[in-house]
């Protein structure tokens, strides 16, 4: 499986959270950590973002059915 890096703008299109909210979740270990791509650039692995979204949906469904 090939994976690709997503920049913050693409992550924010997929996850409707502000940049500051994403970094707050990262600091709480509740969101995938970015990977340094250079001195001023980071990227997120697409597979990790997709897994995070899937886990959030599953947790919501589980709470909803309980």
N, C-alpha and C. Protein backbone atom coordinates (compact mmCIF):
# COMPACT_ATOMS: atom_id res chain seq x y z
N UNK A 1 0.84 -1.18 0.00
CA UNK A 1 0.00 0.00 0.00
C UNK A 1 0.88 1.24 0.00
N UNK A 2 0.61 2.14 -0.88
CA UNK A 2 1.37 3.38 -0.88
C UNK A 2 0.61 4.41 -0.04
N UNK A 3 1.35 5.21 0.65
CA UNK A 3 0.77 6.24 1.50
C UNK A 3 1.27 7.57 1.00
N UNK A 4 0.50 8.61 1.24
CA UNK A 4 0.97 9.92 0.83
C UNK A 4 0.84 10.89 1.98
N UNK A 5 1.60 11.96 1.89
CA UNK A 5 1.55 13.00 2.88
C UNK A 5 0.44 13.98 2.55
N UNK A 6 -0.25 14.42 3.58
CA UNK A 6 -1.26 15.46 3.43
C UNK A 6 -0.75 16.70 4.15
N UNK A 7 -0.86 17.82 3.52
CA UNK A 7 -0.51 19.07 4.18
C UNK A 7 -1.70 19.50 5.04
N UNK A 8 -1.48 20.46 5.90
CA UNK A 8 -2.52 20.89 6.84
C UNK A 8 -3.80 21.31 6.13
N UNK A 9 -3.69 21.99 5.01
CA UNK A 9 -4.89 22.43 4.29
C UNK A 9 -5.76 21.24 3.87
N UNK A 10 -5.15 20.15 3.44
CA UNK A 10 -5.91 18.96 3.04
C UNK A 10 -6.49 18.26 4.27
N UNK A 11 -5.72 18.21 5.35
CA UNK A 11 -6.23 17.61 6.60
C UNK A 11 -7.46 18.38 7.05
N UNK A 12 -7.42 19.70 6.99
CA UNK A 12 -8.56 20.52 7.41
C UNK A 12 -9.76 20.36 6.50
N UNK A 13 -9.55 20.02 5.24
CA UNK A 13 -10.68 19.73 4.36
C UNK A 13 -11.35 18.42 4.76
N UNK A 14 -10.56 17.46 5.22
CA UNK A 14 -11.09 16.15 5.61
C UNK A 14 -11.66 16.15 7.02
N UNK A 15 -11.06 16.94 7.89
CA UNK A 15 -11.44 16.98 9.30
C UNK A 15 -11.89 18.41 9.60
N UNK A 16 -13.16 18.63 9.85
CA UNK A 16 -13.65 20.01 10.02
C UNK A 16 -13.29 20.61 11.38
N UNK A 17 -11.99 20.75 11.61
CA UNK A 17 -11.49 21.36 12.84
C UNK A 17 -10.53 22.48 12.45
N UNK A 18 -10.40 23.45 13.34
CA UNK A 18 -9.44 24.53 13.09
C UNK A 18 -8.02 24.00 13.27
N UNK A 19 -7.09 24.75 12.75
CA UNK A 19 -5.67 24.40 12.89
C UNK A 19 -5.29 24.31 14.37
N UNK A 20 -5.74 25.28 15.17
CA UNK A 20 -5.39 25.27 16.59
C UNK A 20 -6.02 24.09 17.31
N UNK A 21 -7.23 23.71 16.94
CA UNK A 21 -7.87 22.55 17.56
C UNK A 21 -7.12 21.26 17.20
N UNK A 22 -6.67 21.16 15.97
CA UNK A 22 -5.89 19.98 15.56
C UNK A 22 -4.60 19.89 16.39
N UNK A 23 -3.89 21.01 16.54
CA UNK A 23 -2.65 20.99 17.32
C UNK A 23 -2.91 20.74 18.80
N UNK A 24 -4.05 21.18 19.32
CA UNK A 24 -4.41 20.87 20.70
C UNK A 24 -4.61 19.36 20.86
N UNK A 25 -5.33 18.74 19.92
CA UNK A 25 -5.53 17.29 19.97
C UNK A 25 -4.21 16.54 19.83
N UNK A 26 -3.31 17.03 19.00
CA UNK A 26 -1.98 16.42 18.86
C UNK A 26 -1.25 16.46 20.21
N UNK A 27 -1.32 17.60 20.89
CA UNK A 27 -0.61 17.74 22.17
C UNK A 27 -1.19 16.80 23.23
N UNK A 28 -2.45 16.42 23.07
CA UNK A 28 -3.10 15.48 24.00
C UNK A 28 -3.00 14.03 23.53
N UNK A 29 -2.23 13.80 22.47
CA UNK A 29 -2.10 12.47 21.86
C UNK A 29 -3.44 11.91 21.41
N UNK A 30 -4.31 12.78 20.90
CA UNK A 30 -5.64 12.39 20.43
C UNK A 30 -5.79 12.55 18.92
N UNK A 31 -4.69 12.86 18.25
CA UNK A 31 -4.70 13.06 16.80
C UNK A 31 -3.32 12.64 16.29
N UNK A 32 -3.27 12.11 15.06
CA UNK A 32 -1.96 11.69 14.52
C UNK A 32 -0.94 12.83 14.49
N UNK A 33 0.27 12.51 14.86
CA UNK A 33 1.34 13.51 14.88
C UNK A 33 1.84 13.77 13.45
N UNK A 34 2.17 15.03 13.16
CA UNK A 34 2.73 15.34 11.84
C UNK A 34 4.17 14.85 11.74
N UNK A 35 4.62 14.71 10.53
CA UNK A 35 5.99 14.29 10.24
C UNK A 35 6.71 15.47 9.58
N UNK A 36 7.89 15.78 10.07
CA UNK A 36 8.65 16.90 9.51
C UNK A 36 9.09 16.57 8.08
N UNK A 37 8.80 17.49 7.17
CA UNK A 37 9.20 17.33 5.77
C UNK A 37 10.34 18.28 5.40
N UNK A 38 10.67 19.15 6.30
CA UNK A 38 11.73 20.13 6.07
C UNK A 38 11.77 21.07 7.25
N UNK A 39 12.50 22.14 7.13
CA UNK A 39 12.66 23.04 8.26
C UNK A 39 11.37 23.76 8.64
N UNK A 40 10.48 23.98 7.67
CA UNK A 40 9.23 24.69 7.97
C UNK A 40 8.01 24.00 7.38
N UNK A 41 8.10 22.71 7.14
CA UNK A 41 6.97 22.01 6.52
C UNK A 41 6.72 20.68 7.23
N UNK A 42 5.46 20.39 7.45
CA UNK A 42 5.07 19.10 8.02
C UNK A 42 3.99 18.49 7.14
N UNK A 43 3.86 17.18 7.27
CA UNK A 43 2.81 16.46 6.57
C UNK A 43 2.24 15.40 7.48
N UNK A 44 1.03 15.00 7.20
CA UNK A 44 0.36 13.95 7.94
C UNK A 44 0.17 12.77 7.00
N UNK A 45 0.37 11.56 7.51
CA UNK A 45 0.15 10.39 6.68
C UNK A 45 -1.34 10.20 6.43
N UNK A 46 -1.69 10.05 5.18
CA UNK A 46 -3.10 9.91 4.80
C UNK A 46 -3.75 8.73 5.53
N UNK A 47 -3.04 7.61 5.63
CA UNK A 47 -3.61 6.43 6.29
C UNK A 47 -3.91 6.69 7.76
N UNK A 48 -3.07 7.47 8.43
CA UNK A 48 -3.31 7.79 9.84
C UNK A 48 -4.51 8.71 10.02
N UNK A 49 -4.67 9.66 9.11
CA UNK A 49 -5.83 10.55 9.17
C UNK A 49 -7.11 9.76 8.89
N UNK A 50 -7.07 8.89 7.88
CA UNK A 50 -8.23 8.05 7.57
C UNK A 50 -8.60 7.14 8.74
N UNK A 51 -7.59 6.57 9.40
CA UNK A 51 -7.83 5.69 10.56
C UNK A 51 -8.42 6.49 11.72
N UNK A 52 -7.97 7.72 11.92
CA UNK A 52 -8.50 8.57 12.99
C UNK A 52 -9.97 8.87 12.73
N UNK A 53 -10.31 9.20 11.49
CA UNK A 53 -11.70 9.48 11.13
C UNK A 53 -12.56 8.24 11.36
N UNK A 54 -12.09 7.09 10.92
CA UNK A 54 -12.83 5.83 11.09
C UNK A 54 -13.06 5.53 12.57
N UNK A 55 -12.04 5.75 13.38
CA UNK A 55 -12.16 5.49 14.83
C UNK A 55 -13.16 6.44 15.47
N UNK A 56 -13.17 7.70 15.05
CA UNK A 56 -14.13 8.66 15.60
C UNK A 56 -15.56 8.27 15.25
N UNK A 57 -15.78 7.84 14.02
CA UNK A 57 -17.12 7.41 13.60
C UNK A 57 -17.54 6.17 14.39
N UNK A 58 -16.63 5.21 14.54
CA UNK A 58 -16.94 3.98 15.29
C UNK A 58 -17.28 4.30 16.75
N UNK A 59 -16.52 5.20 17.37
CA UNK A 59 -16.79 5.57 18.76
C UNK A 59 -18.15 6.25 18.89
N UNK A 60 -18.49 7.09 17.94
CA UNK A 60 -19.79 7.75 17.94
C UNK A 60 -20.92 6.74 17.80
N UNK A 61 -20.77 5.81 16.87
CA UNK A 61 -21.79 4.77 16.65
C UNK A 61 -21.97 3.90 17.89
N UNK A 62 -20.85 3.59 18.57
CA UNK A 62 -20.92 2.77 19.76
C UNK A 62 -21.66 3.50 20.89
N UNK A 63 -21.37 4.79 21.08
CA UNK A 63 -22.07 5.58 22.09
C UNK A 63 -23.55 5.71 21.75
N UNK A 64 -23.83 5.87 20.46
CA UNK A 64 -25.19 6.05 19.99
C UNK A 64 -26.05 4.81 20.25
N UNK A 65 -25.45 3.62 20.13
CA UNK A 65 -26.21 2.38 20.29
C UNK A 65 -26.29 1.93 21.75
N UNK A 66 -25.51 2.54 22.62
CA UNK A 66 -25.50 2.12 24.03
C UNK A 66 -26.66 2.70 24.81
